[in-house]
Amino acid sequence: MTLANIAGNYVVVRIAPHQFATYAHLQRGSIRVQLRQHLGRGDVLGLLGNSGHSTGPHLHLQVTDGPSVLGSEGVPYVFTSYSFLGLAKDFEENKHPVSPRHREIPVEDAVSRLP
């Protein structure tokens, strides 16, 4: 594993001036967008995977002040709605309470389900 491939297959989307959303660990060969393509809500970027430094399929999402996966600073963000399923360290599929959340930022290492 190197700094160059730690995020595996990923897409960086400019969402505002000096704000970028990175979607990482996508399935190999699944990225469906092109460089400089204009995107809209609901557009498919790629498929969930476990490429890069990953122990299982998941989506790593980060919002930062630059397009570099590791060379930029994180910025706060909120989701309109999502379900909190638990923390990654003790998460077991189908053995968790589903807790609806609204207009919040997920806590670190949260397992969440987006609508």
N, C-alpha and C. Protein backbone atom coordinates (compact mmCIF):
# COMPACT_ATOMS: atom_id res chain seq x y z
N MET A 1 0.84 -1.17 0.00
CA MET A 1 0.00 0.00 0.00
C MET A 1 0.89 1.24 0.00
N THR A 2 0.55 2.19 -0.86
CA THR A 2 1.31 3.44 -0.93
C THR A 2 0.34 4.61 -0.82
N LEU A 3 0.89 5.80 -0.65
CA LEU A 3 0.04 7.00 -0.61
C LEU A 3 -0.70 7.18 -1.93
N ALA A 4 -0.11 6.72 -3.02
CA ALA A 4 -0.74 6.87 -4.33
C ALA A 4 -1.95 5.98 -4.52
N ASN A 5 -2.01 4.83 -3.83
CA ASN A 5 -3.15 3.93 -4.06
C ASN A 5 -3.98 3.64 -2.81
N ILE A 6 -3.77 4.38 -1.75
CA ILE A 6 -4.48 4.12 -0.49
C ILE A 6 -6.00 4.25 -0.62
N ALA A 7 -6.46 5.18 -1.46
CA ALA A 7 -7.91 5.39 -1.64
C ALA A 7 -8.50 4.45 -2.68
N GLY A 8 -7.64 3.65 -3.34
CA GLY A 8 -8.13 2.76 -4.38
C GLY A 8 -8.69 3.55 -5.54
N ASN A 9 -9.77 3.05 -6.10
CA ASN A 9 -10.46 3.77 -7.18
C ASN A 9 -11.35 4.82 -6.53
N TYR A 10 -11.21 6.06 -6.99
CA TYR A 10 -11.97 7.13 -6.36
C TYR A 10 -12.32 8.21 -7.36
N VAL A 11 -13.31 9.01 -6.97
CA VAL A 11 -13.76 10.15 -7.76
C VAL A 11 -13.75 11.36 -6.84
N VAL A 12 -13.21 12.48 -7.35
CA VAL A 12 -13.25 13.75 -6.62
C VAL A 12 -14.17 14.68 -7.40
N VAL A 13 -15.16 15.24 -6.71
CA VAL A 13 -16.14 16.13 -7.33
C VAL A 13 -16.02 17.51 -6.70
N ARG A 14 -15.84 18.54 -7.52
CA ARG A 14 -15.83 19.92 -7.01
C ARG A 14 -17.28 20.30 -6.76
N ILE A 15 -17.61 20.58 -5.49
CA ILE A 15 -18.99 20.88 -5.12
C ILE A 15 -19.21 22.37 -4.87
N ALA A 16 -18.15 23.12 -4.72
CA ALA A 16 -18.20 24.57 -4.52
C ALA A 16 -16.77 25.08 -4.67
N PRO A 17 -16.59 26.40 -4.79
CA PRO A 17 -15.21 26.90 -4.82
C PRO A 17 -14.46 26.45 -3.56
N HIS A 18 -13.34 25.81 -3.73
CA HIS A 18 -12.50 25.34 -2.63
C HIS A 18 -13.18 24.29 -1.76
N GLN A 19 -14.13 23.55 -2.32
CA GLN A 19 -14.76 22.42 -1.61
C GLN A 19 -14.91 21.26 -2.57
N PHE A 20 -14.42 20.10 -2.12
CA PHE A 20 -14.40 18.91 -2.96
C PHE A 20 -14.90 17.71 -2.16
N ALA A 21 -15.71 16.87 -2.79
CA ALA A 21 -16.17 15.62 -2.18
C ALA A 21 -15.42 14.48 -2.83
N THR A 22 -14.81 13.63 -2.02
CA THR A 22 -14.10 12.46 -2.51
C THR A 22 -14.88 11.21 -2.14
N TYR A 23 -15.11 10.36 -3.13
CA TYR A 23 -15.79 9.08 -2.95
C TYR A 23 -14.75 8.01 -3.26
N ALA A 24 -14.33 7.26 -2.25
CA ALA A 24 -13.18 6.37 -2.41
C ALA A 24 -13.54 4.90 -2.14
N HIS A 25 -12.66 4.03 -2.57
CA HIS A 25 -12.73 2.57 -2.45
C HIS A 25 -13.78 1.97 -3.38
N LEU A 26 -13.98 2.63 -4.54
CA LEU A 26 -14.95 2.14 -5.52
C LEU A 26 -14.41 0.89 -6.21
N GLN A 27 -15.34 0.09 -6.74
CA GLN A 27 -14.97 -1.14 -7.45
C GLN A 27 -14.08 -0.84 -8.64
N ARG A 28 -13.12 -1.69 -8.85
CA ARG A 28 -12.23 -1.54 -10.00
C ARG A 28 -13.05 -1.58 -11.29
N GLY A 29 -12.75 -0.64 -12.18
CA GLY A 29 -13.42 -0.60 -13.48
C GLY A 29 -14.85 -0.10 -13.46
N SER A 30 -15.32 0.40 -12.32
CA SER A 30 -16.74 0.79 -12.23
C SER A 30 -17.00 2.29 -12.35
N ILE A 31 -15.95 3.10 -12.42
CA ILE A 31 -16.15 4.55 -12.45
C ILE A 31 -16.85 4.93 -13.76
N ARG A 32 -17.96 5.67 -13.64
CA ARG A 32 -18.82 5.98 -14.78
C ARG A 32 -18.80 7.45 -15.19
N VAL A 33 -17.93 8.25 -14.59
CA VAL A 33 -17.88 9.67 -14.92
C VAL A 33 -16.55 9.99 -15.59
N GLN A 34 -16.54 11.12 -16.28
CA GLN A 34 -15.35 11.56 -17.00
C GLN A 34 -14.81 12.85 -16.38
N LEU A 35 -13.57 13.13 -16.63
CA LEU A 35 -12.94 14.36 -16.17
C LEU A 35 -13.73 15.56 -16.68
N ARG A 36 -14.00 16.51 -15.78
CA ARG A 36 -14.70 17.76 -16.06
C ARG A 36 -16.18 17.59 -16.43
N GLN A 37 -16.72 16.41 -16.23
CA GLN A 37 -18.15 16.17 -16.50
C GLN A 37 -18.99 16.92 -15.46
N HIS A 38 -20.05 17.57 -15.90
CA HIS A 38 -20.97 18.22 -14.97
C HIS A 38 -21.92 17.16 -14.42
N LEU A 39 -22.09 17.15 -13.11
CA LEU A 39 -22.88 16.11 -12.45
C LEU A 39 -24.11 16.71 -11.80
N GLY A 40 -25.11 15.88 -11.63
CA GLY A 40 -26.34 16.28 -10.95
C GLY A 40 -26.67 15.29 -9.86
N ARG A 41 -27.60 15.68 -9.00
CA ARG A 41 -28.04 14.80 -7.91
C ARG A 41 -28.54 13.48 -8.49
N GLY A 42 -28.06 12.39 -7.93
CA GLY A 42 -28.48 11.06 -8.36
C GLY A 42 -27.63 10.43 -9.44
N ASP A 43 -26.70 11.17 -10.01
CA ASP A 43 -25.82 10.58 -11.02
C ASP A 43 -24.95 9.50 -10.38
N VAL A 44 -24.77 8.40 -11.08
CA VAL A 44 -23.93 7.30 -10.58
C VAL A 44 -22.48 7.62 -10.91
N LEU A 45 -21.64 7.65 -9.87
CA LEU A 45 -20.21 7.91 -10.05
C LEU A 45 -19.44 6.62 -10.29
N GLY A 46 -19.83 5.57 -9.59
CA GLY A 46 -19.16 4.28 -9.65
C GLY A 46 -19.89 3.33 -8.73
N LEU A 47 -19.35 2.14 -8.58
CA LEU A 47 -19.98 1.13 -7.73
C LEU A 47 -19.19 0.91 -6.44
N LEU A 48 -19.92 0.65 -5.38
CA LEU A 48 -19.33 0.39 -4.07
C LEU A 48 -18.34 -0.77 -4.16
N GLY A 49 -17.19 -0.59 -3.53
CA GLY A 49 -16.19 -1.64 -3.60
C GLY A 49 -15.30 -1.66 -2.38
N ASN A 50 -14.13 -2.28 -2.54
CA ASN A 50 -13.15 -2.32 -1.45
C ASN A 50 -11.74 -2.19 -2.00
N SER A 51 -11.56 -1.31 -2.96
CA SER A 51 -10.23 -1.09 -3.53
C SER A 51 -9.39 -0.24 -2.58
N GLY A 52 -8.08 -0.26 -2.78
CA GLY A 52 -7.18 0.52 -1.93
C GLY A 52 -7.04 -0.11 -0.56
N HIS A 53 -6.79 0.72 0.45
CA HIS A 53 -6.62 0.25 1.82
C HIS A 53 -7.99 0.07 2.46
N SER A 54 -8.55 -1.11 2.30
CA SER A 54 -9.91 -1.39 2.73
C SER A 54 -10.01 -2.83 3.19
N THR A 55 -10.78 -3.07 4.23
CA THR A 55 -10.96 -4.43 4.72
C THR A 55 -12.26 -5.05 4.25
N GLY A 56 -13.10 -4.27 3.58
CA GLY A 56 -14.37 -4.76 3.06
C GLY A 56 -15.06 -3.68 2.28
N PRO A 57 -16.09 -4.04 1.52
CA PRO A 57 -16.80 -3.06 0.71
C PRO A 57 -17.42 -1.95 1.56
N HIS A 58 -17.14 -0.72 1.18
CA HIS A 58 -17.73 0.44 1.84
C HIS A 58 -17.41 1.67 1.00
N LEU A 59 -18.09 2.75 1.30
CA LEU A 59 -17.81 4.02 0.65
C LEU A 59 -17.14 4.93 1.65
N HIS A 60 -15.98 5.43 1.29
CA HIS A 60 -15.30 6.45 2.10
C HIS A 60 -15.64 7.78 1.47
N LEU A 61 -16.29 8.65 2.24
CA LEU A 61 -16.66 9.97 1.76
C LEU A 61 -15.96 11.00 2.62
N GLN A 62 -15.34 11.97 1.95
CA GLN A 62 -14.76 13.08 2.70
C GLN A 62 -14.98 14.36 1.91
N VAL A 63 -15.19 15.46 2.64
CA VAL A 63 -15.31 16.78 2.02
C VAL A 63 -14.10 17.57 2.47
N THR A 64 -13.37 18.16 1.52
CA THR A 64 -12.11 18.82 1.82
C THR A 64 -12.01 20.16 1.09
N ASP A 65 -10.96 20.91 1.45
CA ASP A 65 -10.73 22.22 0.84
C ASP A 65 -9.87 22.14 -0.42
N GLY A 66 -9.51 20.95 -0.85
CA GLY A 66 -8.71 20.76 -2.06
C GLY A 66 -8.99 19.40 -2.67
N PRO A 67 -8.55 19.15 -3.90
CA PRO A 67 -8.86 17.90 -4.58
C PRO A 67 -7.94 16.72 -4.23
N SER A 68 -6.96 16.92 -3.36
CA SER A 68 -6.04 15.85 -3.00
C SER A 68 -6.64 14.97 -1.89
N VAL A 69 -6.58 13.66 -2.07
CA VAL A 69 -7.13 12.73 -1.08
C VAL A 69 -6.48 12.92 0.29
N LEU A 70 -5.15 13.03 0.33
CA LEU A 70 -4.45 13.16 1.62
C LEU A 70 -3.84 14.54 1.85
N GLY A 71 -3.74 15.35 0.81
CA GLY A 71 -3.05 16.63 0.93
C GLY A 71 -3.96 17.82 1.07
N SER A 72 -5.18 17.62 1.55
CA SER A 72 -6.09 18.73 1.77
C SER A 72 -6.76 18.57 3.13
N GLU A 73 -7.36 19.63 3.61
CA GLU A 73 -7.98 19.64 4.94
C GLU A 73 -9.47 19.35 4.85
N GLY A 74 -9.98 18.60 5.80
CA GLY A 74 -11.40 18.31 5.86
C GLY A 74 -12.20 19.54 6.23
N VAL A 75 -13.41 19.62 5.71
CA VAL A 75 -14.34 20.69 6.08
C VAL A 75 -15.64 20.05 6.55
N PRO A 76 -16.34 20.69 7.49
CA PRO A 76 -17.59 20.11 8.00
C PRO A 76 -18.67 20.04 6.92
N TYR A 77 -19.54 19.07 7.05
CA TYR A 77 -20.68 18.93 6.15
C TYR A 77 -21.81 18.27 6.90
N VAL A 78 -23.02 18.39 6.40
CA VAL A 78 -24.18 17.72 6.99
C VAL A 78 -24.95 17.00 5.89
N PHE A 79 -25.64 15.95 6.27
CA PHE A 79 -26.56 15.27 5.37
C PHE A 79 -27.97 15.73 5.71
N THR A 80 -28.81 15.87 4.70
CA THR A 80 -30.21 16.23 4.92
C THR A 80 -30.86 15.14 5.78
N SER A 81 -30.61 13.88 5.43
CA SER A 81 -31.12 12.77 6.24
C SER A 81 -30.28 11.53 5.97
N TYR A 82 -30.20 10.68 6.98
CA TYR A 82 -29.53 9.39 6.87
C TYR A 82 -29.92 8.56 8.08
N SER A 83 -29.59 7.28 8.05
CA SER A 83 -29.81 6.41 9.20
C SER A 83 -28.48 6.02 9.80
N PHE A 84 -28.33 6.23 11.09
CA PHE A 84 -27.13 5.82 11.82
C PHE A 84 -27.33 4.37 12.24
N LEU A 85 -26.37 3.50 11.84
CA LEU A 85 -26.49 2.07 12.11
C LEU A 85 -25.58 1.59 13.23
N GLY A 86 -24.61 2.39 13.62
CA GLY A 86 -23.68 2.01 14.66
C GLY A 86 -22.27 2.46 14.32
N LEU A 87 -21.34 2.09 15.17
CA LEU A 87 -19.93 2.41 14.94
C LEU A 87 -19.24 1.22 14.29
N ALA A 88 -18.29 1.49 13.43
CA ALA A 88 -17.62 0.44 12.67
C ALA A 88 -16.97 -0.60 13.56
N LYS A 89 -16.41 -0.19 14.70
CA LYS A 89 -15.66 -1.13 15.54
C LYS A 89 -16.52 -2.27 16.10
N ASP A 90 -17.83 -2.05 16.27
CA ASP A 90 -18.68 -3.11 16.80
C ASP A 90 -19.92 -3.35 15.93
N PHE A 91 -19.83 -3.01 14.67
CA PHE A 91 -20.97 -3.16 13.76
C PHE A 91 -21.11 -4.60 13.30
N GLU A 92 -22.33 -5.12 13.37
CA GLU A 92 -22.66 -6.44 12.83
C GLU A 92 -23.90 -6.28 11.98
N GLU A 93 -23.82 -6.77 10.75
CA GLU A 93 -24.95 -6.69 9.83
C GLU A 93 -26.21 -7.27 10.46
N ASN A 94 -27.31 -6.60 10.33
CA ASN A 94 -28.63 -7.01 10.83
C ASN A 94 -28.72 -7.12 12.34
N LYS A 95 -27.75 -6.56 13.09
CA LYS A 95 -27.79 -6.60 14.55
C LYS A 95 -27.55 -5.20 15.09
N HIS A 96 -28.34 -4.26 14.63
CA HIS A 96 -28.13 -2.88 15.03
C HIS A 96 -29.45 -2.14 15.04
N PRO A 97 -29.61 -1.17 15.92
CA PRO A 97 -30.79 -0.31 15.86
C PRO A 97 -30.61 0.70 14.72
N VAL A 98 -31.68 1.01 14.05
CA VAL A 98 -31.63 2.02 13.00
C VAL A 98 -32.12 3.32 13.62
N SER A 99 -31.27 4.32 13.59
CA SER A 99 -31.59 5.60 14.21
C SER A 99 -31.62 6.69 13.14
N PRO A 100 -32.83 7.15 12.75
CA PRO A 100 -32.90 8.21 11.73
C PRO A 100 -32.25 9.49 12.24
N ARG A 101 -31.51 10.15 11.36
CA ARG A 101 -30.86 11.41 11.70
C ARG A 101 -31.19 12.43 10.61
N HIS A 102 -31.27 13.69 11.01
CA HIS A 102 -31.61 14.76 10.06
C HIS A 102 -30.70 15.95 10.29
N ARG A 103 -30.17 16.50 9.19
CA ARG A 103 -29.35 17.70 9.20
C ARG A 103 -28.21 17.60 10.21
N GLU A 104 -27.46 16.51 10.12
CA GLU A 104 -26.33 16.25 11.02
C GLU A 104 -25.12 15.81 10.22
N ILE A 105 -23.97 15.94 10.85
CA ILE A 105 -22.75 15.35 10.33
C ILE A 105 -22.56 14.01 11.07
N PRO A 106 -22.30 12.94 10.34
CA PRO A 106 -22.06 11.66 11.02
C PRO A 106 -20.81 11.72 11.90
N VAL A 107 -20.83 10.98 12.99
CA VAL A 107 -19.65 10.92 13.86
C VAL A 107 -18.57 10.09 13.18
N GLU A 108 -17.34 10.25 13.63
CA GLU A 108 -16.22 9.50 13.06
C GLU A 108 -16.46 8.00 13.18
N ASP A 109 -16.15 7.27 12.13
CA ASP A 109 -16.28 5.81 12.05
C ASP A 109 -17.73 5.32 12.14
N ALA A 110 -18.67 6.19 11.78
CA ALA A 110 -20.08 5.80 11.78
C ALA A 110 -20.38 4.92 10.58
N VAL A 111 -21.25 3.94 10.80
CA VAL A 111 -21.82 3.16 9.69
C VAL A 111 -23.20 3.76 9.46
N SER A 112 -23.42 4.23 8.25
CA SER A 112 -24.65 4.94 7.94
C SER A 112 -25.28 4.41 6.67
N ARG A 113 -26.59 4.58 6.57
CA ARG A 113 -27.31 4.23 5.33
C ARG A 113 -27.91 5.52 4.80
N LEU A 114 -27.60 5.81 3.55
CA LEU A 114 -28.15 6.99 2.91
C LEU A 114 -29.42 6.62 2.16
N PRO A 115 -30.36 7.58 2.05
CA PRO A 115 -31.62 7.27 1.35
C PRO A 115 -31.40 6.93 -0.10
